[in-house]
Amino acid sequence: MELTSETQKQLDLAAETKNLKKIEASLFLAARFLSLQEIVMLTDLNPLLIRELIDKLQDKYSQENSAMLIVKRDDSWKMDVKQEYTNLINKLATGSAEFTKAEQETLAVIAYKQPVKQSIIIKIRGNKAYDHVKHFVDLGLLKSKKQGHTQELELSPDFYDYFHLVKKQLEKKEQ
């Protein structure tokens, strides 16, 4: 088979399509922001190529009649659902087993009382809350910092992104 300029274009297009699908699959399955370094590790692609292909994916989703979009924050990206579909997703998420009812209740107490000492959360929710807090910190939904013999807990920016919330919606009004 002779390599013509037309054949080369077809090979380049096939390679680009394959690489786009790698990035798209990575972002879809991660369900969180992925840094450039994480995408490089997952796809084995060049960082410059990744940036170029993510731009193409962003254009693709903005032009298509799709419920999806690619969100950029700093040097990280995630695949998300367009704002008009977040109510549907929230309905699905509350019925899922992603977080147990007990975990959801612990997170709700932390969100309401933040910033709050972990010791107070344990008094309110019981010893199982230690596991809940660890799980949420591992997921990046909570920030934890040492305060004496306990931890001070508060919601992280990822919490607001994860649940499609604007920070002001959860802030307590001081009156």
Foldseek 3Di string as FASTA:
>chain_A
DDDDPVNVVVVVVVVLVVLLVQQVVVQVVVLAWDALVRSCVSRVDDSVSVVVSLVVQQVVCVPDPDQWHWDDDDRIIHIDGPPVCLVVVLVVVVPDVPDDPLLVVLVVVVLQDPQDWVVVSCVVRNPCVVVSVVVCVVVVQWDWDDDPPTIGIHGDPRVCVSSVHDSVVRDDDDD
